[in-house]
């Protein structure tokens, strides 16, 4: 899945991500940037 790293300012492709659910019930994914280790976040479709 492709995430955007705010610190590196570029899109990163990573296979290690965790599916989470927001308080309002929307699905999302969390990952860590493979280069700098910053947390990345992406809201996904159901």
PDB file of N, CA and C in Angstrom:
ATOM      1  N   UNK A   1       0.848  -1.168   0.000  1.00  0.00           N
ATOM      2  CA  UNK A   1       0.000   0.000   0.000  1.00  0.00           C
ATOM      3  C   UNK A   1       0.897   1.237   0.000  1.00  0.00           C
ATOM      4  N   UNK A   2       0.463   2.274  -0.679  1.00  0.00           N
ATOM      5  CA  UNK A   2       1.247   3.496  -0.806  1.00  0.00           C
ATOM      6  C   UNK A   2       0.761   4.528   0.209  1.00  0.00           C
ATOM      7  N   UNK A   3       1.686   5.039   1.017  1.00  0.00           N
ATOM      8  CA  UNK A   3       1.413   6.070   2.009  1.00  0.00           C
ATOM      9  C   UNK A   3       2.223   7.305   1.647  1.00  0.00           C
ATOM     10  N   UNK A   4       1.826   8.466   2.175  1.00  0.00           N
ATOM     11  CA  UNK A   4       2.588   9.695   1.982  1.00  0.00           C
ATOM     12  C   UNK A   4       3.290  10.040   3.288  1.00  0.00           C
ATOM     13  N   UNK A   5       4.608  10.184   3.235  1.00  0.00           N
ATOM     14  CA  UNK A   5       5.389  10.563   4.413  1.00  0.00           C
ATOM     15  C   UNK A   5       5.528  12.085   4.420  1.00  0.00           C
ATOM     16  N   UNK A   6       5.036  12.718   5.483  1.00  0.00           N
ATOM     17  CA  UNK A   6       5.071  14.171   5.585  1.00  0.00           C
ATOM     18  C   UNK A   6       6.495  14.664   5.802  1.00  0.00           C
ATOM     19  N   UNK A   7       7.290  13.903   6.526  1.00  0.00           N
ATOM     20  CA  UNK A   7       8.660  14.322   6.826  1.00  0.00           C
ATOM     21  C   UNK A   7       9.556  14.228   5.589  1.00  0.00           C
ATOM     22  N   UNK A   8       9.463  13.131   4.840  1.00  0.00           N
ATOM     23  CA  UNK A   8      10.267  12.954   3.620  1.00  0.00           C
ATOM     24  C   UNK A   8       9.668  13.688   2.421  1.00  0.00           C
ATOM     25  N   UNK A   9       8.376  14.018   2.508  1.00  0.00           N
ATOM     26  CA  UNK A   9       7.629  14.679   1.436  1.00  0.00           C
ATOM     27  C   UNK A   9       7.602  13.862   0.148  1.00  0.00           C
ATOM     28  N   UNK A  10       7.406  12.561   0.282  1.00  0.00           N
ATOM     29  CA  UNK A  10       7.239  11.716  -0.891  1.00  0.00           C
ATOM     30  C   UNK A  10       6.432  10.476  -0.546  1.00  0.00           C
ATOM     31  N   UNK A  11       5.908   9.827  -1.578  1.00  0.00           N
ATOM     32  CA  UNK A  11       5.100   8.630  -1.387  1.00  0.00           C
ATOM     33  C   UNK A  11       6.003   7.432  -1.170  1.00  0.00           C
ATOM     34  N   UNK A  12       5.610   6.578  -0.231  1.00  0.00           N
ATOM     35  CA  UNK A  12       6.391   5.381   0.104  1.00  0.00           C
ATOM     36  C   UNK A  12       5.496   4.159  -0.004  1.00  0.00           C
ATOM     37  N   UNK A  13       6.036   3.099  -0.544  1.00  0.00           N
ATOM     38  CA  UNK A  13       5.304   1.838  -0.659  1.00  0.00           C
ATOM     39  C   UNK A  13       5.781   0.918   0.454  1.00  0.00           C
ATOM     40  N   UNK A  14       4.833   0.424   1.257  1.00  0.00           N
ATOM     41  CA  UNK A  14       5.201  -0.465   2.354  1.00  0.00           C
ATOM     42  C   UNK A  14       4.199  -1.604   2.456  1.00  0.00           C
ATOM     43  N   UNK A  15       4.683  -2.763   2.839  1.00  0.00           N
ATOM     44  CA  UNK A  15       3.844  -3.947   3.005  1.00  0.00           C
ATOM     45  C   UNK A  15       3.432  -4.126   4.469  1.00  0.00           C
ATOM     46  N   UNK A  16       4.151  -3.463   5.383  1.00  0.00           N
ATOM     47  CA  UNK A  16       3.889  -3.610   6.816  1.00  0.00           C
ATOM     48  C   UNK A  16       3.000  -2.470   7.296  1.00  0.00           C
ATOM     49  N   UNK A  17       1.695  -2.728   7.353  1.00  0.00           N
ATOM     50  CA  UNK A  17       0.764  -1.731   7.860  1.00  0.00           C
ATOM     51  C   UNK A  17      -0.282  -2.411   8.711  1.00  0.00           C
ATOM     52  N   UNK A  18      -0.958  -1.617   9.531  1.00  0.00           N
ATOM     53  CA  UNK A  18      -1.952  -2.124  10.469  1.00  0.00           C
ATOM     54  C   UNK A  18      -3.294  -1.481  10.149  1.00  0.00           C
ATOM     55  N   UNK A  19      -4.330  -2.308  10.013  1.00  0.00           N
ATOM     56  CA  UNK A  19      -5.671  -1.781   9.771  1.00  0.00           C
ATOM     57  C   UNK A  19      -6.288  -1.362  11.091  1.00  0.00           C
ATOM     58  N   UNK A  20      -6.839  -0.148  11.127  1.00  0.00           N
ATOM     59  CA  UNK A  20      -7.476   0.385  12.326  1.00  0.00           C
ATOM     60  C   UNK A  20      -8.837   0.964  11.945  1.00  0.00           C
ATOM     61  N   UNK A  21      -9.663   1.205  12.955  1.00  0.00           N
ATOM     62  CA  UNK A  21     -10.962   1.829  12.752  1.00  0.00           C
ATOM     63  C   UNK A  21     -11.011   3.114  13.563  1.00  0.00           C
ATOM     64  N   UNK A  22     -11.409   4.205  12.924  1.00  0.00           N
ATOM     65  CA  UNK A  22     -11.509   5.489  13.609  1.00  0.00           C
ATOM     66  C   UNK A  22     -12.730   5.516  14.513  1.00  0.00           C
ATOM     67  N   UNK A  23     -12.816   6.542  15.360  1.00  0.00           N
ATOM     68  CA  UNK A  23     -13.940   6.654  16.286  1.00  0.00           C
ATOM     69  C   UNK A  23     -15.281   6.705  15.564  1.00  0.00           C
ATOM     70  N   UNK A  24     -15.300   7.334  14.383  1.00  0.00           N
ATOM     71  CA  UNK A  24     -16.551   7.452  13.647  1.00  0.00           C
ATOM     72  C   UNK A  24     -16.859   6.222  12.792  1.00  0.00           C
ATOM     73  N   UNK A  25     -16.031   5.185  12.878  1.00  0.00           N
ATOM     74  CA  UNK A  25     -16.288   3.936  12.190  1.00  0.00           C
ATOM     75  C   UNK A  25     -15.605   3.787  10.837  1.00  0.00           C
ATOM     76  N   UNK A  26     -14.896   4.818  10.380  1.00  0.00           N
ATOM     77  CA  UNK A  26     -14.228   4.729   9.086  1.00  0.00           C
ATOM     78  C   UNK A  26     -12.971   3.868   9.181  1.00  0.00           C
ATOM     79  N   UNK A  27     -12.710   3.050   8.171  1.00  0.00           N
ATOM     80  CA  UNK A  27     -11.491   2.236   8.175  1.00  0.00           C
ATOM     81  C   UNK A  27     -10.274   3.069   7.763  1.00  0.00           C
ATOM     82  N   UNK A  28      -9.127   2.744   8.348  1.00  0.00           N
ATOM     83  CA  UNK A  28      -7.882   3.444   8.052  1.00  0.00           C
ATOM     84  C   UNK A  28      -6.713   2.475   8.222  1.00  0.00           C
ATOM     85  N   UNK A  29      -5.533   2.904   7.790  1.00  0.00           N
ATOM     86  CA  UNK A  29      -4.321   2.095   7.931  1.00  0.00           C
ATOM     87  C   UNK A  29      -3.204   2.955   8.496  1.00  0.00           C
ATOM     88  N   UNK A  30      -2.369   2.338   9.354  1.00  0.00           N
ATOM     89  CA  UNK A  30      -1.216   3.004   9.936  1.00  0.00           C
ATOM     90  C   UNK A  30       0.036   2.236   9.532  1.00  0.00           C
ATOM     91  N   UNK A  31       1.117   2.985   9.303  1.00  0.00           N
ATOM     92  CA  UNK A  31       2.396   2.366   8.955  1.00  0.00           C
ATOM     93  C   UNK A  31       3.523   3.272   9.424  1.00  0.00           C
ATOM     94  N   UNK A  32       4.744   2.763   9.343  1.00  0.00           N
ATOM     95  CA  UNK A  32       5.930   3.559   9.642  1.00  0.00           C
ATOM     96  C   UNK A  32       6.746   3.696   8.363  1.00  0.00           C
ATOM     97  N   UNK A  33       7.317   4.890   8.170  1.00  0.00           N
ATOM     98  CA  UNK A  33       8.141   5.160   6.995  1.00  0.00           C
ATOM     99  C   UNK A  33       9.391   4.276   7.053  1.00  0.00           C
ATOM    100  N   UNK A  34       9.702   3.564   5.957  1.00  0.00           N
ATOM    101  CA  UNK A  34      10.889   2.700   5.971  1.00  0.00           C
ATOM    102  C   UNK A  34      12.201   3.474   6.042  1.00  0.00           C
ATOM    103  N   UNK A  35      12.214   4.751   5.659  1.00  0.00           N
ATOM    104  CA  UNK A  35      13.455   5.530   5.665  1.00  0.00           C
ATOM    105  C   UNK A  35      13.678   6.290   6.968  1.00  0.00           C
ATOM    106  N   UNK A  36      12.657   7.048   7.425  1.00  0.00           N
ATOM    107  CA  UNK A  36      12.865   7.910   8.593  1.00  0.00           C
ATOM    108  C   UNK A  36      12.139   7.432   9.850  1.00  0.00           C
ATOM    109  N   UNK A  37      11.197   6.477   9.738  1.00  0.00           N
ATOM    110  CA  UNK A  37      10.521   5.933  10.892  1.00  0.00           C
ATOM    111  C   UNK A  37       9.311   6.732  11.368  1.00  0.00           C
ATOM    112  N   UNK A  38       8.938   7.772  10.642  1.00  0.00           N
ATOM    113  CA  UNK A  38       7.784   8.592  11.006  1.00  0.00           C
ATOM    114  C   UNK A  38       6.500   7.801  10.774  1.00  0.00           C
ATOM    115  N   UNK A  39       5.517   8.008  11.631  1.00  0.00           N
ATOM    116  CA  UNK A  39       4.236   7.347  11.462  1.00  0.00           C
ATOM    117  C   UNK A  39       3.483   7.900  10.268  1.00  0.00           C
ATOM    118  N   UNK A  40       2.931   7.020   9.446  1.00  0.00           N
ATOM    119  CA  UNK A  40       2.146   7.419   8.283  1.00  0.00           C
ATOM    120  C   UNK A  40       0.725   6.906   8.473  1.00  0.00           C
ATOM    121  N   UNK A  41      -0.242   7.603   7.913  1.00  0.00           N
ATOM    122  CA  UNK A  41      -1.642   7.320   8.142  1.00  0.00           C
ATOM    123  C   UNK A  41      -2.412   7.514   6.847  1.00  0.00           C
ATOM    124  N   UNK A  42      -3.392   6.636   6.596  1.00  0.00           N
ATOM    125  CA  UNK A  42      -4.183   6.760   5.373  1.00  0.00           C
ATOM    126  C   UNK A  42      -5.595   6.248   5.634  1.00  0.00           C
ATOM    127  N   UNK A  43      -6.597   7.064   5.279  1.00  0.00           N
ATOM    128  CA  UNK A  43      -7.988   6.635   5.370  1.00  0.00           C
ATOM    129  C   UNK A  43      -8.297   5.858   4.088  1.00  0.00           C
ATOM    130  N   UNK A  44      -8.883   4.680   4.236  1.00  0.00           N
ATOM    131  CA  UNK A  44      -9.146   3.815   3.085  1.00  0.00           C
ATOM    132  C   UNK A  44     -10.646   3.590   2.918  1.00  0.00           C
ATOM    133  N   UNK A  45     -11.028   3.071   1.762  1.00  0.00           N
ATOM    134  CA  UNK A  45     -12.421   2.751   1.497  1.00  0.00           C
ATOM    135  C   UNK A  45     -12.793   1.456   2.218  1.00  0.00           C
ATOM    136  N   UNK A  46     -14.043   1.295   2.492  1.00  0.00           N
ATOM    137  CA  UNK A  46     -14.526   0.111   3.197  1.00  0.00           C
ATOM    138  C   UNK A  46     -14.440  -1.083   2.337  1.00  0.00           C
TER     139      UNK A  46
END
